[in-house]
Amino acid sequence: MTDTTLTRTPRNLEKRDADTRPKAWAPPALLPDPEPEAGFVFRWIRVASLNQADPANISSKFREGWEPVKSATQPSMQMFVGGNPKFPDGIEIGGLLLCKCPSEFMDQRAAYYQQQAENQMTSVDNNLMRESDARMPLFNQRQSEVKFGKGT
């Protein structure tokens, strides 16, 4: 009697053709994703539209804290730089410039706009309560309802 269990490969380690899924075609991305960098958020910012420069937009974004990404820091994207870029050291594709900003600035920005939205809702609530009449109460409901069917 020979022991075949020592020379046989367990079935769970065998590769099966049924386990591998065929690769599906997907349309190419219009803008490539940069390699992540710790502590930074990336964004494509418009520098031109229809071959017309947009200095107001890029100026406001630079004041907001965005800075152009140098092509040397993203070697995988150097092949995408072409044409007549307005920022020769940057990565510009189709009038969009790749920029980065510290993630702590973006967290502060998100908190600022969240506070703005909360202030607006408080203002609406205060205005609603000020105009409510005891004979005709207004309800402060912030939820929507979806119904299907005939509506009866």
Protein backbone atom coordinates (compact mmCIF):
# COMPACT_ATOMS: atom_id res chain seq x y z
CA MET A 1 0.00 0.00 0.00
CA THR A 2 1.47 3.34 -1.12
CA ASP A 3 0.72 6.64 0.50
CA THR A 4 -0.37 9.05 -2.28
CA THR A 5 -1.39 11.84 0.06
CA LEU A 6 2.23 12.98 0.41
CA THR A 7 2.78 13.56 -3.31
CA ARG A 8 -0.65 14.87 -4.26
CA THR A 9 -1.43 18.63 -4.32
CA PRO A 10 -4.47 19.57 -2.27
CA ARG A 11 -7.48 20.55 -4.40
CA ASN A 12 -7.85 23.97 -2.79
CA LEU A 13 -4.39 24.94 -4.08
CA GLU A 14 -5.10 23.93 -7.68
CA LYS A 15 -5.82 26.74 -10.11
CA ARG A 16 -8.96 26.39 -12.14
CA ASP A 17 -9.85 28.24 -15.30
CA ALA A 18 -13.36 28.76 -13.98
CA ASP A 19 -12.01 30.80 -11.04
CA THR A 20 -10.39 33.43 -13.23
CA ARG A 21 -12.72 36.02 -14.65
CA PRO A 22 -12.18 37.34 -18.13
CA LYS A 23 -10.87 40.88 -18.26
CA ALA A 24 -13.47 43.38 -19.33
CA TRP A 25 -12.76 46.37 -21.55
CA ALA A 26 -13.31 49.76 -20.00
CA PRO A 27 -13.06 53.17 -21.65
CA PRO A 28 -9.85 55.02 -20.82
CA ALA A 29 -9.93 57.67 -18.13
CA LEU A 30 -9.93 61.22 -19.46
CA LEU A 31 -7.46 62.30 -16.78
CA PRO A 32 -4.92 59.95 -15.22
CA ASP A 33 -4.85 59.55 -11.45
CA PRO A 34 -1.65 60.78 -9.78
CA GLU A 35 0.35 58.59 -7.45
CA PRO A 36 -0.91 59.32 -3.92
CA GLU A 37 1.32 61.41 -1.69
CA ALA A 38 0.90 61.34 2.09
CA GLY A 39 -0.64 64.51 3.48
CA PHE A 40 -1.78 65.93 0.13
CA VAL A 41 -4.96 66.04 -1.92
CA PHE A 42 -4.77 66.24 -5.73
CA ARG A 43 -7.09 68.07 -8.09
CA TRP A 44 -7.17 69.06 -11.75
CA ILE A 45 -7.65 72.84 -12.05
CA ARG A 46 -8.74 74.68 -15.17
CA VAL A 47 -6.13 77.02 -16.64
CA ALA A 48 -7.78 77.40 -20.05
CA SER A 49 -11.13 76.77 -21.68
CA LEU A 50 -11.58 76.54 -25.46
CA ASN A 51 -7.94 77.68 -25.87
CA GLN A 52 -8.68 80.85 -23.89
CA ALA A 53 -6.62 81.34 -20.75
CA ASP A 54 -8.55 81.55 -17.49
CA PRO A 55 -6.22 83.53 -15.19
CA ALA A 56 -9.01 84.43 -12.74
CA ASN A 57 -9.73 80.76 -11.96
CA ILE A 58 -6.12 79.67 -11.57
CA SER A 59 -5.31 82.77 -9.51
CA SER A 60 -8.17 82.10 -7.09
CA LYS A 61 -7.14 78.45 -6.72
CA PHE A 62 -3.54 79.43 -5.98
CA ARG A 63 -4.79 81.86 -3.30
CA GLU A 64 -6.91 79.03 -1.88
CA GLY A 65 -3.75 76.98 -1.30
CA TRP A 66 -3.40 74.83 -4.41
CA GLU A 67 0.06 74.57 -5.96
CA PRO A 68 1.11 73.00 -9.28
CA VAL A 69 2.57 69.51 -9.13
CA LYS A 70 6.02 69.35 -10.70
CA SER A 71 6.35 66.71 -13.39
CA ALA A 72 9.54 65.44 -11.70
CA THR A 73 7.52 64.34 -8.64
CA GLN A 74 5.10 62.28 -10.76
CA PRO A 75 7.35 60.36 -13.20
CA SER A 76 4.50 58.18 -14.45
CA MET A 77 2.74 61.30 -15.79
CA GLN A 78 5.66 62.87 -17.67
CA MET A 79 4.50 61.28 -20.91
CA PHE A 80 1.17 63.13 -20.69
CA VAL A 81 2.72 66.59 -20.79
CA GLY A 82 2.62 67.91 -24.31
CA GLY A 83 1.78 70.77 -26.58
CA ASN A 84 2.45 74.29 -25.37
CA PRO A 85 1.85 74.21 -21.61
CA LYS A 86 1.39 77.44 -19.68
CA PHE A 87 3.22 75.84 -16.73
CA PRO A 88 6.32 74.14 -18.21
CA ASP A 89 7.30 72.36 -14.95
CA GLY A 90 3.72 71.24 -14.27
CA ILE A 91 1.49 68.51 -15.62
CA GLU A 92 -1.10 70.07 -17.91
CA ILE A 93 -3.60 68.13 -20.01
CA GLY A 94 -6.26 69.77 -22.14
CA GLY A 95 -6.30 73.06 -20.26
CA LEU A 96 -6.24 71.38 -16.83
CA LEU A 97 -3.28 71.60 -14.48
CA LEU A 98 -2.60 68.98 -11.82
CA CYS A 99 -2.32 70.69 -8.44
CA LYS A 100 -1.96 69.57 -4.85
CA CYS A 101 -2.92 71.04 -1.50
CA PRO A 102 -2.22 69.90 2.06
CA SER A 103 -5.04 67.69 3.27
CA GLU A 104 -5.34 69.71 6.50
CA PHE A 105 -6.33 72.75 4.37
CA MET A 106 -9.01 70.69 2.65
CA ASP A 107 -10.31 69.48 6.02
CA GLN A 108 -10.50 73.10 7.22
CA ARG A 109 -12.24 74.09 3.97
CA ALA A 110 -14.80 71.29 4.38
CA ALA A 111 -15.44 72.35 7.98
CA TYR A 112 -15.89 75.98 6.88
CA TYR A 113 -18.49 75.11 4.25
CA GLN A 114 -20.23 72.69 6.63
CA GLN A 115 -20.54 75.55 9.12
CA GLN A 116 -21.88 77.82 6.36
CA ALA A 117 -24.56 75.25 5.50
CA GLU A 118 -25.52 74.82 9.16
CA ASN A 119 -25.80 78.60 9.59
CA GLN A 120 -28.10 78.79 6.57
CA MET A 121 -30.34 76.02 7.92
CA THR A 122 -30.49 77.75 11.31
CA SER A 123 -31.46 80.98 9.60
CA VAL A 124 -34.22 79.25 7.64
CA ASP A 125 -35.48 77.55 10.80
CA ASN A 126 -35.51 80.85 12.72
CA ASN A 127 -37.33 82.58 9.89
CA LEU A 128 -39.85 79.76 9.70
CA MET A 129 -40.54 79.87 13.44
CA ARG A 130 -40.83 83.65 13.41
CA GLU A 131 -43.50 83.55 10.70
CA SER A 132 -45.49 80.67 12.16
CA ASP A 133 -48.96 81.46 13.42
CA ALA A 134 -50.62 79.52 16.26
CA ARG A 135 -53.78 79.22 14.16
CA MET A 136 -51.84 77.74 11.22
CA PRO A 137 -48.79 75.87 12.46
CA LEU A 138 -45.88 75.22 10.13
CA PHE A 139 -44.01 72.00 10.48
CA ASN A 140 -40.28 71.70 10.38
CA GLN A 141 -39.79 68.38 8.61
CA ARG A 142 -36.53 67.61 6.87
CA GLN A 143 -37.22 64.31 5.25
CA SER A 144 -38.49 63.35 1.86
CA GLU A 145 -40.87 60.58 0.98
CA VAL A 146 -40.98 58.43 -2.14
CA LYS A 147 -44.17 56.63 -3.11
CA PHE A 148 -44.80 54.25 -5.96
CA GLY A 149 -48.05 53.23 -7.52
CA LYS A 150 -51.28 55.09 -8.18
CA GLY A 151 -50.85 57.41 -5.21
CA THR A 152 -54.09 56.39 -3.51
